[in-house]
Amino acid sequence: MVEVKAVPFATLFDDSIWRTAIRKPLYSSVGFSNAAIPGEVSFFGYARGALVPGAGNAAGVVSKVAHTNMELAGSLPLPKKFRCNGISVHMLPAAFGSSDVPSASDPTSNTATQDSDLIEDLLLLTYSTVLTVKVGNKEYADHPLDLFPSNTGFAGLCTVANDNASGTNVGTMDVVLPHTIGNGISYRVYPFLIENGQSFSATLRCFFASPPSLNDARLVTVVLHGSMYREVQ
């Protein structure tokens, strides 16, 4: 019988520091306004407690654990290291009608016809931008965004019909349930390491000369999945 230990085994690294590994992602969020997608936005450039960058009502607020878990802006504190096994991009399934207050994904649905604002915004961002992830001067990702969130799309589809006893006046409505959390792209075969003190970043760039406009203010998050190597307590 193999004993299962409650605490991960410590590993002695070549810098003579003992570390333990835990499964912990690194993530960073940026706000987008209900306007043209900007030419370039950057993630991981701020620490928790700083203002969320970007535009719209999801930006400009003091960041919390919901926005980022970065301790430093653009790097890891000594002696932490991070082994990245994958990258994904999420759009929070909510709109931001006021500062830091999420509302329905289509906030006008109670006063106007539901028009799938969330899925429209998700598709506009996904098929209009390129994601670049860099550690130091090396690029570990530089691909159109649709190559990252591999299962983002429709989570369900149903049809509703309203019959007023006349076959020529039957009203129909398609109800789409957008799914905004993707599996992401996997780097498990060839993971990459982020050393403490080494700069890293993620950038979304819109490749259209005339960028499309989002319907509502959104919060977009880039997630680096993997293991955090931290000091032994």
Protein backbone atom coordinates (compact mmCIF):
# COMPACT_ATOMS: atom_id res chain seq x y z
CA MET A 1 0.00 0.00 0.00
CA VAL A 2 1.26 3.47 -0.92
CA GLU A 3 0.74 6.14 1.70
CA VAL A 4 -1.11 9.22 0.41
CA LYS A 5 0.40 12.27 2.05
CA ALA A 6 -1.67 15.34 2.88
CA VAL A 7 1.13 17.72 1.91
CA PRO A 8 2.82 17.57 -1.52
CA PHE A 9 6.40 16.35 -1.54
CA ALA A 10 9.00 19.09 -1.46
CA THR A 11 11.54 19.29 -4.29
CA LEU A 12 15.04 20.73 -4.05
CA PHE A 13 15.66 22.93 -7.10
CA ASP A 14 19.02 23.85 -8.58
CA ASP A 15 18.97 27.21 -6.77
CA SER A 16 19.09 25.28 -3.44
CA ILE A 17 15.51 26.26 -2.51
CA TRP A 18 12.97 23.63 -1.45
CA ARG A 19 9.56 24.08 -3.09
CA THR A 20 6.20 22.32 -3.12
CA ALA A 21 3.84 22.32 -6.11
CA ILE A 22 0.11 23.00 -6.04
CA ARG A 23 -2.39 23.08 -8.86
CA LYS A 24 -3.15 26.76 -9.19
CA PRO A 25 -3.89 28.86 -12.29
CA LEU A 26 -2.68 32.38 -12.92
CA TYR A 27 -5.36 34.70 -14.30
CA SER A 28 -5.88 38.34 -15.19
CA SER A 29 -8.93 40.29 -16.39
CA VAL A 30 -9.51 43.39 -18.52
CA GLY A 31 -12.69 45.40 -19.03
CA PHE A 32 -14.22 46.04 -22.46
CA SER A 33 -16.78 48.73 -23.25
CA ASN A 34 -19.80 48.54 -25.53
CA ALA A 35 -17.77 50.13 -28.32
CA ALA A 36 -15.24 49.10 -30.95
CA ILE A 37 -12.84 46.39 -29.78
CA PRO A 38 -9.52 48.16 -29.04
CA GLY A 39 -6.51 47.51 -31.21
CA GLU A 40 -4.56 46.06 -28.28
CA VAL A 41 -5.15 45.23 -24.60
CA SER A 42 -2.71 43.64 -22.15
CA PHE A 43 -3.22 41.20 -19.27
CA PHE A 44 -1.10 40.35 -16.20
CA GLY A 45 0.29 43.89 -16.04
CA TYR A 46 -1.28 44.67 -12.66
CA ALA A 47 -1.44 43.07 -9.22
CA ARG A 48 -4.47 42.43 -7.03
CA GLY A 49 -5.47 45.69 -5.35
CA ALA A 50 -4.61 47.84 -8.38
CA LEU A 51 -7.22 49.20 -10.78
CA VAL A 52 -8.60 46.83 -13.42
CA PRO A 53 -7.35 48.07 -16.83
CA GLY A 54 -9.34 48.43 -20.02
CA ALA A 55 -12.57 50.29 -20.69
CA GLY A 56 -16.23 50.15 -19.76
CA ASN A 57 -17.86 49.73 -16.36
CA ALA A 58 -15.92 46.54 -15.58
CA ALA A 59 -12.66 48.54 -15.65
CA GLY A 60 -11.30 51.22 -13.34
CA VAL A 61 -12.36 49.42 -10.13
CA VAL A 62 -10.02 48.11 -7.44
CA SER A 63 -9.20 44.55 -8.47
CA LYS A 64 -10.14 41.64 -6.23
CA VAL A 65 -9.61 37.89 -6.39
CA ALA A 66 -12.40 37.78 -8.98
CA HIS A 67 -10.24 39.83 -11.37
CA THR A 68 -6.70 38.51 -10.84
CA ASN A 69 -4.52 36.53 -8.44
CA MET A 70 -1.27 38.23 -9.43
CA GLU A 71 0.87 39.30 -6.44
CA LEU A 72 3.15 41.45 -8.57
CA ALA A 73 2.59 43.24 -11.88
CA GLY A 74 3.92 41.16 -14.76
CA SER A 75 6.10 38.74 -12.78
CA LEU A 76 6.22 36.21 -9.95
CA PRO A 77 7.66 37.01 -6.51
CA LEU A 78 10.75 35.21 -5.28
CA PRO A 79 11.01 32.22 -4.95
CA LYS A 80 7.85 31.15 -6.82
CA LYS A 81 7.90 29.45 -10.23
CA PHE A 82 4.99 28.52 -12.50
CA ARG A 83 4.73 25.56 -14.89
CA CYS A 84 2.14 26.39 -17.57
CA ASN A 85 0.18 23.44 -18.97
CA GLY A 86 -2.47 25.36 -20.92
CA ILE A 87 -4.10 28.66 -21.83
CA SER A 88 -7.77 29.61 -22.01
CA VAL A 89 -9.77 32.82 -22.42
CA HIS A 90 -13.11 33.44 -20.70
CA MET A 91 -15.76 36.11 -21.15
CA LEU A 92 -17.82 36.48 -17.98
CA PRO A 93 -21.46 35.62 -18.84
CA ALA A 94 -22.70 39.00 -17.60
CA ALA A 95 -22.83 42.62 -18.67
CA PHE A 96 -21.73 45.61 -16.58
CA GLY A 97 -24.28 48.41 -16.61
CA SER A 98 -22.62 50.15 -13.67
CA SER A 99 -19.25 50.08 -11.95
CA ASP A 100 -18.26 46.58 -10.81
CA VAL A 101 -21.88 45.41 -10.74
CA PRO A 102 -22.61 42.48 -13.08
CA SER A 103 -26.09 42.26 -14.56
CA ALA A 104 -27.90 39.98 -17.02
CA SER A 105 -25.91 38.93 -20.08
CA ASP A 106 -28.43 40.90 -22.17
CA PRO A 107 -29.50 43.74 -19.84
CA THR A 108 -32.12 45.07 -22.27
CA SER A 109 -34.06 41.80 -22.46
CA ASN A 110 -36.78 43.07 -20.08
CA THR A 111 -37.52 46.11 -22.25
CA ALA A 112 -36.74 44.90 -25.75
CA THR A 113 -36.56 41.68 -27.72
CA GLN A 114 -33.88 39.28 -26.52
CA ASP A 115 -31.16 39.47 -29.15
CA SER A 116 -28.40 37.24 -27.77
CA ASP A 117 -26.00 40.03 -26.86
CA LEU A 118 -23.66 37.70 -25.02
CA ILE A 119 -23.15 35.18 -27.81
CA GLU A 120 -22.77 38.03 -30.32
CA ASP A 121 -20.08 39.70 -28.18
CA LEU A 122 -18.32 36.40 -27.59
CA LEU A 123 -18.20 35.61 -31.31
CA LEU A 124 -17.09 39.14 -32.21
CA LEU A 125 -14.17 38.96 -29.77
CA THR A 126 -13.25 35.35 -30.63
CA TYR A 127 -13.09 35.84 -34.37
CA SER A 128 -11.61 39.36 -34.36
CA THR A 129 -8.55 39.05 -32.12
CA VAL A 130 -5.17 37.34 -31.82
CA LEU A 131 -3.79 36.22 -28.44
CA THR A 132 -0.04 36.51 -27.80
CA VAL A 133 1.53 35.10 -24.63
CA LYS A 134 5.17 35.98 -23.95
CA VAL A 135 7.64 35.01 -21.26
CA GLY A 136 10.57 37.38 -21.44
CA ASN A 137 11.18 37.90 -25.15
CA LYS A 138 9.89 34.47 -26.19
CA GLU A 139 6.41 33.91 -27.61
CA TYR A 140 4.67 30.75 -26.42
CA ALA A 141 1.39 31.55 -28.13
CA ASP A 142 0.58 33.81 -31.06
CA HIS A 143 -2.65 32.56 -32.62
CA PRO A 144 -6.16 33.75 -33.47
CA LEU A 145 -8.33 33.59 -30.35
CA ASP A 146 -10.64 30.95 -31.81
CA LEU A 147 -7.77 28.42 -31.47
CA PHE A 148 -7.73 28.82 -27.68
CA PRO A 149 -11.25 28.38 -26.22
CA SER A 150 -11.84 24.98 -27.82
CA ASN A 151 -15.34 24.35 -26.48
CA THR A 152 -16.73 27.87 -26.34
CA GLY A 153 -19.99 28.16 -28.23
CA PHE A 154 -23.50 26.90 -27.71
CA ALA A 155 -24.35 25.03 -24.51
CA GLY A 156 -27.93 24.33 -25.54
CA LEU A 157 -30.63 25.18 -28.06
CA CYS A 158 -34.41 25.04 -27.81
CA THR A 159 -37.34 26.45 -29.73
CA VAL A 160 -40.43 28.09 -28.24
CA ALA A 161 -43.66 28.51 -30.22
CA ASN A 162 -46.59 30.79 -29.40
CA ASP A 163 -49.84 29.54 -31.02
CA ASN A 164 -52.76 31.96 -31.24
CA ALA A 165 -55.04 29.44 -33.00
CA SER A 166 -54.04 30.52 -36.45
CA GLY A 167 -51.47 28.60 -38.42
CA THR A 168 -50.42 31.73 -40.27
CA ASN A 169 -49.79 33.65 -37.05
CA VAL A 170 -47.73 31.19 -35.05
CA GLY A 171 -44.82 33.04 -33.50
CA THR A 172 -41.58 31.15 -32.93
CA MET A 173 -38.52 32.04 -30.93
CA ASP A 174 -35.15 30.34 -30.79
CA VAL A 175 -33.56 30.38 -27.36
CA VAL A 176 -29.76 30.09 -27.40
CA LEU A 177 -27.75 29.39 -24.26
CA PRO A 178 -24.21 30.68 -24.85
CA HIS A 179 -21.35 28.86 -23.15
CA THR A 180 -18.44 31.20 -22.45
CA ILE A 181 -15.91 29.02 -20.61
CA GLY A 182 -13.61 27.06 -22.90
CA ASN A 183 -11.21 24.18 -22.26
CA GLY A 184 -8.41 26.16 -23.82
CA ILE A 185 -5.30 24.96 -25.62
CA SER A 186 -3.13 22.33 -23.91
CA TYR A 187 0.64 22.55 -23.42
CA ARG A 188 0.91 19.38 -21.32
CA VAL A 189 3.30 17.67 -23.73
CA TYR A 190 5.55 20.73 -23.97
CA PRO A 191 4.84 22.96 -20.93
CA PHE A 192 6.78 26.14 -20.33
CA LEU A 193 8.22 27.55 -17.12
CA ILE A 194 7.85 31.08 -15.75
CA GLU A 195 10.71 31.88 -13.38
CA ASN A 196 10.39 34.32 -10.49
CA GLY A 197 11.30 37.86 -11.49
CA GLN A 198 10.90 37.03 -15.18
CA SER A 199 8.45 39.24 -17.05
CA PHE A 200 5.46 37.66 -18.78
CA SER A 201 2.36 39.01 -20.48
CA ALA A 202 -0.69 38.21 -22.56
CA THR A 203 -1.97 40.54 -25.26
CA LEU A 204 -5.18 40.58 -27.29
CA ARG A 205 -4.88 42.39 -30.63
CA CYS A 206 -7.72 43.09 -33.05
CA PHE A 207 -6.58 42.41 -36.62
CA PHE A 208 -9.36 44.32 -38.42
CA ALA A 209 -8.77 47.85 -39.70
CA SER A 210 -12.31 48.73 -38.56
CA PRO A 211 -12.91 46.68 -35.37
CA PRO A 212 -16.45 45.50 -34.63
CA SER A 213 -18.30 46.92 -31.62
CA LEU A 214 -19.51 44.92 -28.62
CA ASN A 215 -23.13 45.24 -27.52
CA ASP A 216 -22.43 45.58 -23.80
CA ALA A 217 -19.59 46.18 -21.34
CA ARG A 218 -17.79 42.88 -20.61
CA LEU A 219 -15.06 41.40 -18.44
CA VAL A 220 -12.57 39.12 -20.26
CA THR A 221 -10.08 36.89 -18.43
CA VAL A 222 -6.94 35.13 -19.67
CA VAL A 223 -6.07 32.01 -17.63
CA LEU A 224 -2.72 30.22 -17.51
CA HIS A 225 -3.39 26.70 -16.24
CA GLY A 226 -0.68 24.77 -14.45
CA SER A 227 1.28 24.25 -11.24
CA MET A 228 2.63 26.87 -8.87
CA TYR A 229 5.94 26.00 -7.23
CA ARG A 230 6.09 27.85 -3.91
CA GLU A 231 8.45 27.99 -0.96
CA VAL A 232 8.18 25.38 1.79
CA GLN A 233 6.56 26.96 4.86
